[in-house]
Amino acid sequence: MTKATVDAGICGFTALIEVIRLSSQMLRVVVTSDCEMVSKMGKELRDIDWRDALNQREDCLLYKSLQQHIKHVACPIPIAILKAIEVEVGAALPADVVIRFETASSRALQ
């Protein structure tokens, strides 16, 4: 099992992503969040074929669910789901992903 915790940023929501390998092809994806959009997307995913999830086709369940439920185009949770799937199937190592921001105003405050 692979777990990932995501602090989504300024929205204040977090998400817990759990990916459990059920067979050589099938995974169970469990997404827990107080964000209504993320929760709805997570309920649709449940048991998925990892090969389909990592395919960038528009008819892929993950992408269809993302388009239907997530209205914030820069939400980091869908990418975290994909990264957790990659880790669970051995396509990536479990390394943290970090985004750091620097703006002109933040530099002026220092």
PDB file of N, CA and C in Angstrom:
ATOM      1  N   MET A   1       0.843  -1.171   0.000  1.00  0.00           N
ATOM      2  CA  MET A   1       0.000   0.000   0.000  1.00  0.00           C
ATOM      3  C   MET A   1       0.894   1.243   0.000  1.00  0.00           C
ATOM      4  N   THR A   2       0.447   2.243  -0.748  1.00  0.00           N
ATOM      5  CA  THR A   2       1.131   3.532  -0.791  1.00  0.00           C
ATOM      6  C   THR A   2       0.171   4.590  -0.277  1.00  0.00           C
ATOM      7  N   LYS A   3       0.688   5.440   0.640  1.00  0.00           N
ATOM      8  CA  LYS A   3      -0.111   6.544   1.167  1.00  0.00           C
ATOM      9  C   LYS A   3       0.586   7.854   0.827  1.00  0.00           C
ATOM     10  N   ALA A   4      -0.217   8.858   0.508  1.00  0.00           N
ATOM     11  CA  ALA A   4       0.306  10.204   0.271  1.00  0.00           C
ATOM     12  C   ALA A   4      -0.629  11.191   0.954  1.00  0.00           C
ATOM     13  N   THR A   5      -0.046  12.164   1.628  1.00  0.00           N
ATOM     14  CA  THR A   5      -0.816  13.238   2.244  1.00  0.00           C
ATOM     15  C   THR A   5      -0.499  14.518   1.501  1.00  0.00           C
ATOM     16  N   VAL A   6      -1.541  15.243   1.117  1.00  0.00           N
ATOM     17  CA  VAL A   6      -1.369  16.447   0.326  1.00  0.00           C
ATOM     18  C   VAL A   6      -1.979  17.634   1.061  1.00  0.00           C
ATOM     19  N   ASP A   7      -1.179  18.673   1.255  1.00  0.00           N
ATOM     20  CA  ASP A   7      -1.666  19.964   1.723  1.00  0.00           C
ATOM     21  C   ASP A   7      -1.843  20.778   0.450  1.00  0.00           C
ATOM     22  N   ALA A   8      -3.083  21.009   0.056  1.00  0.00           N
ATOM     23  CA  ALA A   8      -3.365  21.582  -1.260  1.00  0.00           C
ATOM     24  C   ALA A   8      -3.031  23.060  -1.390  1.00  0.00           C
ATOM     25  N   GLY A   9      -2.710  23.724  -0.306  1.00  0.00           N
ATOM     26  CA  GLY A   9      -2.297  25.121  -0.417  1.00  0.00           C
ATOM     27  C   GLY A   9      -3.291  26.088   0.174  1.00  0.00           C
ATOM     28  N   ILE A  10      -3.494  27.180  -0.526  1.00  0.00           N
ATOM     29  CA  ILE A  10      -4.266  28.301  -0.008  1.00  0.00           C
ATOM     30  C   ILE A  10      -5.733  27.953   0.249  1.00  0.00           C
ATOM     31  N   CYS A  11      -6.258  26.931  -0.391  1.00  0.00           N
ATOM     32  CA  CYS A  11      -7.647  26.533  -0.138  1.00  0.00           C
ATOM     33  C   CYS A  11      -7.817  25.980   1.272  1.00  0.00           C
ATOM     34  N   GLY A  12      -6.724  25.505   1.859  1.00  0.00           N
ATOM     35  CA  GLY A  12      -6.775  24.995   3.225  1.00  0.00           C
ATOM     36  C   GLY A  12      -7.147  23.531   3.330  1.00  0.00           C
ATOM     37  N   PHE A  13      -7.444  22.892   2.220  1.00  0.00           N
ATOM     38  CA  PHE A  13      -7.834  21.486   2.255  1.00  0.00           C
ATOM     39  C   PHE A  13      -6.611  20.576   2.200  1.00  0.00           C
ATOM     40  N   THR A  14      -6.746  19.438   2.827  1.00  0.00           N
ATOM     41  CA  THR A  14      -5.748  18.382   2.718  1.00  0.00           C
ATOM     42  C   THR A  14      -6.445  17.150   2.158  1.00  0.00           C
ATOM     43  N   ALA A  15      -5.656  16.219   1.704  1.00  0.00           N
ATOM     44  CA  ALA A  15      -6.205  14.963   1.206  1.00  0.00           C
ATOM     45  C   ALA A  15      -5.271  13.832   1.606  1.00  0.00           C
ATOM     46  N   LEU A  16      -5.859  12.718   1.953  1.00  0.00           N
ATOM     47  CA  LEU A  16      -5.113  11.486   2.181  1.00  0.00           C
ATOM     48  C   LEU A  16      -5.441  10.567   1.019  1.00  0.00           C
ATOM     49  N   ILE A  17      -4.400  10.110   0.350  1.00  0.00           N
ATOM     50  CA  ILE A  17      -4.550   9.219  -0.799  1.00  0.00           C
ATOM     51  C   ILE A  17      -3.949   7.882  -0.421  1.00  0.00           C
ATOM     52  N   GLU A  18      -4.710   6.822  -0.600  1.00  0.00           N
ATOM     53  CA  GLU A  18      -4.227   5.466  -0.355  1.00  0.00           C
ATOM     54  C   GLU A  18      -4.415   4.660  -1.634  1.00  0.00           C
ATOM     55  N   VAL A  19      -3.349   4.034  -2.070  1.00  0.00           N
ATOM     56  CA  VAL A  19      -3.401   3.201  -3.271  1.00  0.00           C
ATOM     57  C   VAL A  19      -3.004   1.793  -2.860  1.00  0.00           C
ATOM     58  N   ILE A  20      -3.893   0.843  -3.118  1.00  0.00           N
ATOM     59  CA  ILE A  20      -3.687  -0.541  -2.704  1.00  0.00           C
ATOM     60  C   ILE A  20      -3.720  -1.424  -3.945  1.00  0.00           C
ATOM     61  N   ARG A  21      -2.689  -2.214  -4.122  1.00  0.00           N
ATOM     62  CA  ARG A  21      -2.647  -3.125  -5.278  1.00  0.00           C
ATOM     63  C   ARG A  21      -3.539  -4.325  -5.004  1.00  0.00           C
ATOM     64  N   LEU A  22      -4.515  -4.546  -5.886  1.00  0.00           N
ATOM     65  CA  LEU A  22      -5.439  -5.669  -5.747  1.00  0.00           C
ATOM     66  C   LEU A  22      -5.005  -6.873  -6.576  1.00  0.00           C
ATOM     67  N   SER A  23      -4.368  -6.606  -7.710  1.00  0.00           N
ATOM     68  CA  SER A  23      -3.878  -7.664  -8.596  1.00  0.00           C
ATOM     69  C   SER A  23      -2.779  -7.056  -9.453  1.00  0.00           C
ATOM     70  N   SER A  24      -2.300  -7.798 -10.437  1.00  0.00           N
ATOM     71  CA  SER A  24      -1.217  -7.271 -11.276  1.00  0.00           C
ATOM     72  C   SER A  24      -1.664  -6.031 -12.043  1.00  0.00           C
ATOM     73  N   GLN A  25      -2.943  -5.885 -12.292  1.00  0.00           N
ATOM     74  CA  GLN A  25      -3.441  -4.750 -13.063  1.00  0.00           C
ATOM     75  C   GLN A  25      -4.307  -3.791 -12.261  1.00  0.00           C
ATOM     76  N   MET A  26      -5.011  -4.285 -11.275  1.00  0.00           N
ATOM     77  CA  MET A  26      -6.022  -3.474 -10.599  1.00  0.00           C
ATOM     78  C   MET A  26      -5.520  -2.874  -9.287  1.00  0.00           C
ATOM     79  N   LEU A  27      -5.948  -1.625  -9.058  1.00  0.00           N
ATOM     80  CA  LEU A  27      -5.632  -0.901  -7.836  1.00  0.00           C
ATOM     81  C   LEU A  27      -6.916  -0.386  -7.209  1.00  0.00           C
ATOM     82  N   ARG A  28      -6.899  -0.235  -5.921  1.00  0.00           N
ATOM     83  CA  ARG A  28      -7.974   0.478  -5.224  1.00  0.00           C
ATOM     84  C   ARG A  28      -7.392   1.824  -4.808  1.00  0.00           C
ATOM     85  N   VAL A  29      -8.081   2.890  -5.190  1.00  0.00           N
ATOM     86  CA  VAL A  29      -7.668   4.244  -4.837  1.00  0.00           C
ATOM     87  C   VAL A  29      -8.696   4.798  -3.867  1.00  0.00           C
ATOM     88  N   VAL A  30      -8.233   5.184  -2.685  1.00  0.00           N
ATOM     89  CA  VAL A  30      -9.106   5.755  -1.667  1.00  0.00           C
ATOM     90  C   VAL A  30      -8.613   7.171  -1.397  1.00  0.00           C
ATOM     91  N   VAL A  31      -9.507   8.138  -1.603  1.00  0.00           N
ATOM     92  CA  VAL A  31      -9.162   9.539  -1.395  1.00  0.00           C
ATOM     93  C   VAL A  31     -10.074  10.098  -0.314  1.00  0.00           C
ATOM     94  N   THR A  32      -9.466  10.623   0.750  1.00  0.00           N
ATOM     95  CA  THR A  32     -10.212  11.212   1.847  1.00  0.00           C
ATOM     96  C   THR A  32      -9.854  12.690   1.932  1.00  0.00           C
ATOM     97  N   SER A  33     -10.875  13.557   1.859  1.00  0.00           N
ATOM     98  CA  SER A  33     -10.641  14.998   1.919  1.00  0.00           C
ATOM     99  C   SER A  33     -11.921  15.705   2.337  1.00  0.00           C
ATOM    100  N   ASP A  34     -11.758  16.855   2.960  1.00  0.00           N
ATOM    101  CA  ASP A  34     -12.915  17.698   3.272  1.00  0.00           C
ATOM    102  C   ASP A  34     -13.357  18.516   2.065  1.00  0.00           C
ATOM    103  N   CYS A  35     -12.551  18.528   1.014  1.00  0.00           N
ATOM    104  CA  CYS A  35     -12.930  19.235  -0.211  1.00  0.00           C
ATOM    105  C   CYS A  35     -14.000  18.412  -0.930  1.00  0.00           C
ATOM    106  N   GLU A  36     -15.132  19.022  -1.175  1.00  0.00           N
ATOM    107  CA  GLU A  36     -16.248  18.325  -1.815  1.00  0.00           C
ATOM    108  C   GLU A  36     -15.893  17.832  -3.215  1.00  0.00           C
ATOM    109  N   MET A  37     -15.175  18.663  -3.985  1.00  0.00           N
ATOM    110  CA  MET A  37     -14.807  18.274  -5.352  1.00  0.00           C
ATOM    111  C   MET A  37     -13.880  17.060  -5.350  1.00  0.00           C
ATOM    112  N   VAL A  38     -12.884  17.079  -4.487  1.00  0.00           N
ATOM    113  CA  VAL A  38     -11.922  15.977  -4.404  1.00  0.00           C
ATOM    114  C   VAL A  38     -12.617  14.707  -3.911  1.00  0.00           C
ATOM    115  N   SER A  39     -13.498  14.830  -2.950  1.00  0.00           N
ATOM    116  CA  SER A  39     -14.222  13.665  -2.438  1.00  0.00           C
ATOM    117  C   SER A  39     -15.072  13.018  -3.522  1.00  0.00           C
ATOM    118  N   LYS A  40     -15.749  13.827  -4.331  1.00  0.00           N
ATOM    119  CA  LYS A  40     -16.572  13.282  -5.419  1.00  0.00           C
ATOM    120  C   LYS A  40     -15.704  12.558  -6.445  1.00  0.00           C
ATOM    121  N   MET A  41     -14.562  13.152  -6.768  1.00  0.00           N
ATOM    122  CA  MET A  41     -13.662  12.503  -7.710  1.00  0.00           C
ATOM    123  C   MET A  41     -13.164  11.180  -7.142  1.00  0.00           C
ATOM    124  N   GLY A  42     -12.783  11.182  -5.871  1.00  0.00           N
ATOM    125  CA  GLY A  42     -12.283   9.969  -5.227  1.00  0.00           C
ATOM    126  C   GLY A  42     -13.287   8.840  -5.216  1.00  0.00           C
ATOM    127  N   LYS A  43     -14.557   9.161  -5.030  1.00  0.00           N
ATOM    128  CA  LYS A  43     -15.596   8.124  -5.012  1.00  0.00           C
ATOM    129  C   LYS A  43     -15.736   7.440  -6.364  1.00  0.00           C
ATOM    130  N   GLU A  44     -15.483   8.172  -7.432  1.00  0.00           N
ATOM    131  CA  GLU A  44     -15.580   7.584  -8.771  1.00  0.00           C
ATOM    132  C   GLU A  44     -14.413   6.665  -9.098  1.00  0.00           C
ATOM    133  N   LEU A  45     -13.258   6.919  -8.522  1.00  0.00           N
ATOM    134  CA  LEU A  45     -12.061   6.173  -8.911  1.00  0.00           C
ATOM    135  C   LEU A  45     -12.055   4.751  -8.380  1.00  0.00           C
ATOM    136  N   ARG A  46     -12.176   4.583  -7.096  1.00  0.00           N
ATOM    137  CA  ARG A  46     -12.163   3.295  -6.396  1.00  0.00           C
ATOM    138  C   ARG A  46     -11.243   2.259  -7.042  1.00  0.00           C
ATOM    139  N   ASP A  47     -11.781   1.318  -7.791  1.00  0.00           N
ATOM    140  CA  ASP A  47     -10.981   0.242  -8.379  1.00  0.00           C
ATOM    141  C   ASP A  47     -10.680   0.576  -9.835  1.00  0.00           C
ATOM    142  N   ILE A  48      -9.396   0.742 -10.143  1.00  0.00           N
ATOM    143  CA  ILE A  48      -9.003   1.132 -11.489  1.00  0.00           C
ATOM    144  C   ILE A  48      -7.827   0.298 -11.972  1.00  0.00           C
ATOM    145  N   ASP A  49      -7.720   0.190 -13.276  1.00  0.00           N
ATOM    146  CA  ASP A  49      -6.583  -0.453 -13.925  1.00  0.00           C
ATOM    147  C   ASP A  49      -5.466   0.584 -13.964  1.00  0.00           C
ATOM    148  N   TRP A  50      -4.316   0.270 -13.372  1.00  0.00           N
ATOM    149  CA  TRP A  50      -3.246   1.255 -13.281  1.00  0.00           C
ATOM    150  C   TRP A  50      -2.727   1.679 -14.647  1.00  0.00           C
ATOM    151  N   ARG A  51      -2.789   0.775 -15.624  1.00  0.00           N
ATOM    152  CA  ARG A  51      -2.313   1.119 -16.972  1.00  0.00           C
ATOM    153  C   ARG A  51      -3.207   2.191 -17.589  1.00  0.00           C
ATOM    154  N   ASP A  52      -4.495   2.102 -17.322  1.00  0.00           N
ATOM    155  CA  ASP A  52      -5.428   3.105 -17.810  1.00  0.00           C
ATOM    156  C   ASP A  52      -5.196   4.435 -17.099  1.00  0.00           C
ATOM    157  N   ALA A  53      -4.971   4.386 -15.789  1.00  0.00           N
ATOM    158  CA  ALA A  53      -4.780   5.609 -15.005  1.00  0.00           C
ATOM    159  C   ALA A  53      -3.542   6.388 -15.446  1.00  0.00           C
ATOM    160  N   LEU A  54      -2.490   5.682 -15.848  1.00  0.00           N
ATOM    161  CA  LEU A  54      -1.254   6.348 -16.243  1.00  0.00           C
ATOM    162  C   LEU A  54      -1.208   6.686 -17.728  1.00  0.00           C
ATOM    163  N   ASN A  55      -2.296   6.436 -18.420  1.00  0.00           N
ATOM    164  CA  ASN A  55      -2.401   6.765 -19.835  1.00  0.00           C
ATOM    165  C   ASN A  55      -3.044   8.147 -19.955  1.00  0.00           C
ATOM    166  N   GLN A  56      -2.527   9.004 -20.791  1.00  0.00           N
ATOM    167  CA  GLN A  56      -3.027  10.370 -20.890  1.00  0.00           C
ATOM    168  C   GLN A  56      -4.191  10.538 -21.864  1.00  0.00           C
ATOM    169  N   ARG A  57      -4.840   9.470 -22.204  1.00  0.00           N
ATOM    170  CA  ARG A  57      -6.008   9.580 -23.090  1.00  0.00           C
ATOM    171  C   ARG A  57      -7.140  10.304 -22.376  1.00  0.00           C
ATOM    172  N   GLU A  58      -7.905  11.059 -23.138  1.00  0.00           N
ATOM    173  CA  GLU A  58      -9.024  11.805 -22.553  1.00  0.00           C
ATOM    174  C   GLU A  58     -10.148  10.892 -22.084  1.00  0.00           C
ATOM    175  N   ASP A  59     -10.224   9.664 -22.587  1.00  0.00           N
ATOM    176  CA  ASP A  59     -11.291   8.763 -22.165  1.00  0.00           C
ATOM    177  C   ASP A  59     -10.918   7.954 -20.923  1.00  0.00           C
ATOM    178  N   CYS A  60      -9.753   8.208 -20.364  1.00  0.00           N
ATOM    179  CA  CYS A  60      -9.301   7.553 -19.137  1.00  0.00           C
ATOM    180  C   CYS A  60     -10.194   7.999 -17.977  1.00  0.00           C
ATOM    181  N   LEU A  61     -10.566   7.072 -17.108  1.00  0.00           N
ATOM    182  CA  LEU A  61     -11.455   7.368 -15.984  1.00  0.00           C
ATOM    183  C   LEU A  61     -10.924   8.495 -15.111  1.00  0.00           C
ATOM    184  N   LEU A  62      -9.637   8.477 -14.819  1.00  0.00           N
ATOM    185  CA  LEU A  62      -9.062   9.510 -13.958  1.00  0.00           C
ATOM    186  C   LEU A  62      -9.227  10.894 -14.573  1.00  0.00           C
ATOM    187  N   TYR A  63      -8.931  11.034 -15.851  1.00  0.00           N
ATOM    188  CA  TYR A  63      -9.043  12.330 -16.507  1.00  0.00           C
ATOM    189  C   TYR A  63     -10.499  12.766 -16.649  1.00  0.00           C
ATOM    190  N   LYS A  64     -11.397  11.826 -16.956  1.00  0.00           N
ATOM    191  CA  LYS A  64     -12.812  12.182 -17.045  1.00  0.00           C
ATOM    192  C   LYS A  64     -13.334  12.663 -15.693  1.00  0.00           C
ATOM    193  N   SER A  65     -12.970  11.976 -14.636  1.00  0.00           N
ATOM    194  CA  SER A  65     -13.410  12.354 -13.299  1.00  0.00           C
ATOM    195  C   SER A  65     -12.826  13.711 -12.904  1.00  0.00           C
ATOM    196  N   LEU A  66     -11.559  13.928 -13.222  1.00  0.00           N
ATOM    197  CA  LEU A  66     -10.912  15.209 -12.952  1.00  0.00           C
ATOM    198  C   LEU A  66     -11.662  16.340 -13.653  1.00  0.00           C
ATOM    199  N   GLN A  67     -11.955  16.173 -14.939  1.00  0.00           N
ATOM    200  CA  GLN A  67     -12.649  17.209 -15.699  1.00  0.00           C
ATOM    201  C   GLN A  67     -14.055  17.467 -15.156  1.00  0.00           C
ATOM    202  N   GLN A  68     -14.701  16.424 -14.693  1.00  0.00           N
ATOM    203  CA  GLN A  68     -16.066  16.561 -14.204  1.00  0.00           C
ATOM    204  C   GLN A  68     -16.129  17.225 -12.829  1.00  0.00           C
ATOM    205  N   HIS A  69     -15.199  16.919 -11.942  1.00  0.00           N
ATOM    206  CA  HIS A  69     -15.337  17.332 -10.550  1.00  0.00           C
ATOM    207  C   HIS A  69     -14.417  18.451 -10.083  1.00  0.00           C
ATOM    208  N   ILE A  70     -13.211  18.522 -10.581  1.00  0.00           N
ATOM    209  CA  ILE A  70     -12.237  19.486 -10.064  1.00  0.00           C
ATOM    210  C   ILE A  70     -12.307  20.772 -10.890  1.00  0.00           C
ATOM    211  N   LYS A  71     -12.804  21.809 -10.278  1.00  0.00           N
ATOM    212  CA  LYS A  71     -12.982  23.088 -10.980  1.00  0.00           C
ATOM    213  C   LYS A  71     -11.760  23.984 -10.880  1.00  0.00           C
ATOM    214  N   HIS A  72     -10.843  23.671  -9.983  1.00  0.00           N
ATOM    215  CA  HIS A  72      -9.609  24.459  -9.839  1.00  0.00           C
ATOM    216  C   HIS A  72      -8.528  23.777 -10.676  1.00  0.00           C
ATOM    217  N   VAL A  73      -8.178  24.381 -11.771  1.00  0.00           N
ATOM    218  CA  VAL A  73      -7.283  23.772 -12.749  1.00  0.00           C
ATOM    219  C   VAL A  73      -5.911  23.428 -12.170  1.00  0.00           C
ATOM    220  N   ALA A  74      -5.467  24.151 -11.147  1.00  0.00           N
ATOM    221  CA  ALA A  74      -4.137  23.909 -10.576  1.00  0.00           C
ATOM    222  C   ALA A  74      -4.179  23.072  -9.302  1.00  0.00           C
ATOM    223  N   CYS A  75      -5.275  22.403  -9.035  1.00  0.00           N
ATOM    224  CA  CYS A  75      -5.368  21.555  -7.843  1.00  0.00           C
ATOM    225  C   CYS A  75      -4.268  20.486  -7.886  1.00  0.00           C
ATOM    226  N   PRO A  76      -3.460  20.381  -6.823  1.00  0.00           N
ATOM    227  CA  PRO A  76      -2.355  19.430  -6.832  1.00  0.00           C
ATOM    228  C   PRO A  76      -2.772  17.988  -6.504  1.00  0.00           C
ATOM    229  N   ILE A  77      -3.987  17.775  -6.095  1.00  0.00           N
ATOM    230  CA  ILE A  77      -4.385  16.437  -5.650  1.00  0.00           C
ATOM    231  C   ILE A  77      -4.432  15.419  -6.784  1.00  0.00           C
ATOM    232  N   PRO A  78      -4.963  15.742  -7.969  1.00  0.00           N
ATOM    233  CA  PRO A  78      -4.933  14.737  -9.049  1.00  0.00           C
ATOM    234  C   PRO A  78      -3.522  14.259  -9.387  1.00  0.00           C
ATOM    235  N   ILE A  79      -2.559  15.158  -9.421  1.00  0.00           N
ATOM    236  CA  ILE A  79      -1.190  14.729  -9.729  1.00  0.00           C
ATOM    237  C   ILE A  79      -0.641  13.868  -8.603  1.00  0.00           C
ATOM    238  N   ALA A  80      -1.035  14.152  -7.374  1.00  0.00           N
ATOM    239  CA  ALA A  80      -0.598  13.330  -6.235  1.00  0.00           C
ATOM    240  C   ALA A  80      -1.171  11.918  -6.343  1.00  0.00           C
ATOM    241  N   ILE A  81      -2.394  11.805  -6.825  1.00  0.00           N
ATOM    242  CA  ILE A  81      -2.991  10.479  -7.045  1.00  0.00           C
ATOM    243  C   ILE A  81      -2.159   9.707  -8.068  1.00  0.00           C
ATOM    244  N   LEU A  82      -1.812  10.376  -9.168  1.00  0.00           N
ATOM    245  CA  LEU A  82      -0.992   9.722 -10.194  1.00  0.00           C
ATOM    246  C   LEU A  82       0.377   9.307  -9.659  1.00  0.00           C
ATOM    247  N   LYS A  83       1.004  10.183  -8.883  1.00  0.00           N
ATOM    248  CA  LYS A  83       2.313   9.846  -8.313  1.00  0.00           C
ATOM    249  C   LYS A  83       2.202   8.655  -7.365  1.00  0.00           C
ATOM    250  N   ALA A  84       1.141   8.602  -6.560  1.00  0.00           N
ATOM    251  CA  ALA A  84       0.947   7.473  -5.639  1.00  0.00           C
ATOM    252  C   ALA A  84       0.724   6.177  -6.414  1.00  0.00           C
ATOM    253  N   ILE A  85       0.016   6.260  -7.530  1.00  0.00           N
ATOM    254  CA  ILE A  85      -0.179   5.077  -8.379  1.00  0.00           C
ATOM    255  C   ILE A  85       1.162   4.612  -8.937  1.00  0.00           C
ATOM    256  N   GLU A  86       1.974   5.545  -9.416  1.00  0.00           N
ATOM    257  CA  GLU A  86       3.298   5.185  -9.932  1.00  0.00           C
ATOM    258  C   GLU A  86       4.142   4.491  -8.871  1.00  0.00           C
ATOM    259  N   VAL A  87       4.112   5.007  -7.664  1.00  0.00           N
ATOM    260  CA  VAL A  87       4.890   4.391  -6.583  1.00  0.00           C
ATOM    261  C   VAL A  87       4.374   2.989  -6.297  1.00  0.00           C
ATOM    262  N   GLU A  88       3.066   2.823  -6.225  1.00  0.00           N
ATOM    263  CA  GLU A  88       2.492   1.521  -5.879  1.00  0.00           C
ATOM    264  C   GLU A  88       2.825   0.447  -6.912  1.00  0.00           C
ATOM    265  N   VAL A  89       2.898   0.832  -8.192  1.00  0.00           N
ATOM    266  CA  VAL A  89       3.177  -0.178  -9.226  1.00  0.00           C
ATOM    267  C   VAL A  89       4.666  -0.266  -9.566  1.00  0.00           C
ATOM    268  N   GLY A  90       5.498   0.501  -8.862  1.00  0.00           N
ATOM    269  CA  GLY A  90       6.939   0.416  -9.080  1.00  0.00           C
ATOM    270  C   GLY A  90       7.452   1.231 -10.244  1.00  0.00           C
ATOM    271  N   ALA A  91       6.655   2.170 -10.739  1.00  0.00           N
ATOM    272  CA  ALA A  91       7.084   3.005 -11.856  1.00  0.00           C
ATOM    273  C   ALA A  91       7.811   4.268 -11.391  1.00  0.00           C
ATOM    274  N   ALA A  92       7.819   4.512 -10.079  1.00  0.00           N
ATOM    275  CA  ALA A  92       8.522   5.668  -9.519  1.00  0.00           C
ATOM    276  C   ALA A  92       8.909   5.352  -8.080  1.00  0.00           C
ATOM    277  N   LEU A  93       9.927   6.021  -7.618  1.00  0.00           N
ATOM    278  CA  LEU A  93      10.327   5.883  -6.222  1.00  0.00           C
ATOM    279  C   LEU A  93       9.519   6.858  -5.363  1.00  0.00           C
ATOM    280  N   PRO A  94       9.322   6.532  -4.091  1.00  0.00           N
ATOM    281  CA  PRO A  94       8.509   7.384  -3.216  1.00  0.00           C
ATOM    282  C   PRO A  94       9.285   8.602  -2.710  1.00  0.00           C
ATOM    283  N   ALA A  95       9.405   9.605  -3.555  1.00  0.00           N
ATOM    284  CA  ALA A  95      10.088  10.844  -3.175  1.00  0.00           C
ATOM    285  C   ALA A  95       9.066  11.978  -3.093  1.00  0.00           C
ATOM    286  N   ASP A  96       9.197  12.819  -2.074  1.00  0.00           N
ATOM    287  CA  ASP A  96       8.281  13.943  -1.893  1.00  0.00           C
ATOM    288  C   ASP A  96       8.425  14.935  -3.039  1.00  0.00           C
ATOM    289  N   VAL A  97       7.311  15.554  -3.377  1.00  0.00           N
ATOM    290  CA  VAL A  97       7.267  16.610  -4.380  1.00  0.00           C
ATOM    291  C   VAL A  97       6.998  17.909  -3.630  1.00  0.00           C
ATOM    292  N   VAL A  98       7.765  18.951  -3.935  1.00  0.00           N
ATOM    293  CA  VAL A  98       7.628  20.229  -3.233  1.00  0.00           C
ATOM    294  C   VAL A  98       7.554  21.351  -4.260  1.00  0.00           C
ATOM    295  N   ILE A  99       6.655  22.292  -4.039  1.00  0.00           N
ATOM    296  CA  ILE A  99       6.588  23.501  -4.853  1.00  0.00           C
ATOM    297  C   ILE A  99       6.860  24.671  -3.914  1.00  0.00           C
ATOM    298  N   ARG A 100       7.847  25.477  -4.241  1.00  0.00           N
ATOM    299  CA  ARG A 100       8.146  26.666  -3.440  1.00  0.00           C
ATOM    300  C   ARG A 100       7.910  27.895  -4.306  1.00  0.00           C
ATOM    301  N   PHE A 101       7.267  28.880  -3.737  1.00  0.00           N
ATOM    302  CA  PHE A 101       6.969  30.099  -4.486  1.00  0.00           C
ATOM    303  C   PHE A 101       7.813  31.255  -3.988  1.00  0.00           C
ATOM    304  N   GLU A 102       8.218  32.077  -4.939  1.00  0.00           N
ATOM    305  CA  GLU A 102       8.886  33.320  -4.615  1.00  0.00           C
ATOM    306  C   GLU A 102       8.292  34.394  -5.517  1.00  0.00           C
ATOM    307  N   THR A 103       7.859  35.459  -4.927  1.00  0.00           N
ATOM    308  CA  THR A 103       7.307  36.565  -5.705  1.00  0.00           C
ATOM    309  C   THR A 103       8.110  37.825  -5.412  1.00  0.00           C
ATOM    310  N   ALA A 104       7.925  38.831  -6.216  1.00  0.00           N
ATOM    311  CA  ALA A 104       8.635  40.097  -5.998  1.00  0.00           C
ATOM    312  C   ALA A 104       8.292  40.660  -4.619  1.00  0.00           C
ATOM    313  N   SER A 105       7.032  40.546  -4.210  1.00  0.00           N
ATOM    314  CA  SER A 105       6.639  41.082  -2.913  1.00  0.00           C
ATOM    315  C   SER A 105       7.246  40.290  -1.760  1.00  0.00           C
ATOM    316  N   SER A 106       7.401  38.990  -1.919  1.00  0.00           N
ATOM    317  CA  SER A 106       8.011  38.195  -0.833  1.00  0.00           C
ATOM    318  C   SER A 106       9.502  38.497  -0.714  1.00  0.00           C
ATOM    319  N   ARG A 107      10.171  38.817  -1.807  1.00  0.00           N
ATOM    320  CA  ARG A 107      11.588  39.179  -1.771  1.00  0.00           C
ATOM    321  C   ARG A 107      11.765  40.538  -1.094  1.00  0.00           C
ATOM    322  N   ALA A 108      10.820  41.446  -1.316  1.00  0.00           N
ATOM    323  CA  ALA A 108      10.919  42.790  -0.749  1.00  0.00           C
ATOM    324  C   ALA A 108      10.747  42.761   0.766  1.00  0.00           C
ATOM    325  N   LEU A 109      10.011  41.777   1.283  1.00  0.00           N
ATOM    326  CA  LEU A 109       9.758  41.679   2.719  1.00  0.00           C
ATOM    327  C   LEU A 109      10.971  41.154   3.475  1.00  0.00           C
ATOM    328  N   GLN A 110      11.900  40.532   2.792  1.00  0.00           N
ATOM    329  CA  GLN A 110      13.035  39.919   3.473  1.00  0.00           C
ATOM    330  C   GLN A 110      14.115  40.880   3.834  1.00  0.00           C
TER     331      GLN A 110
END
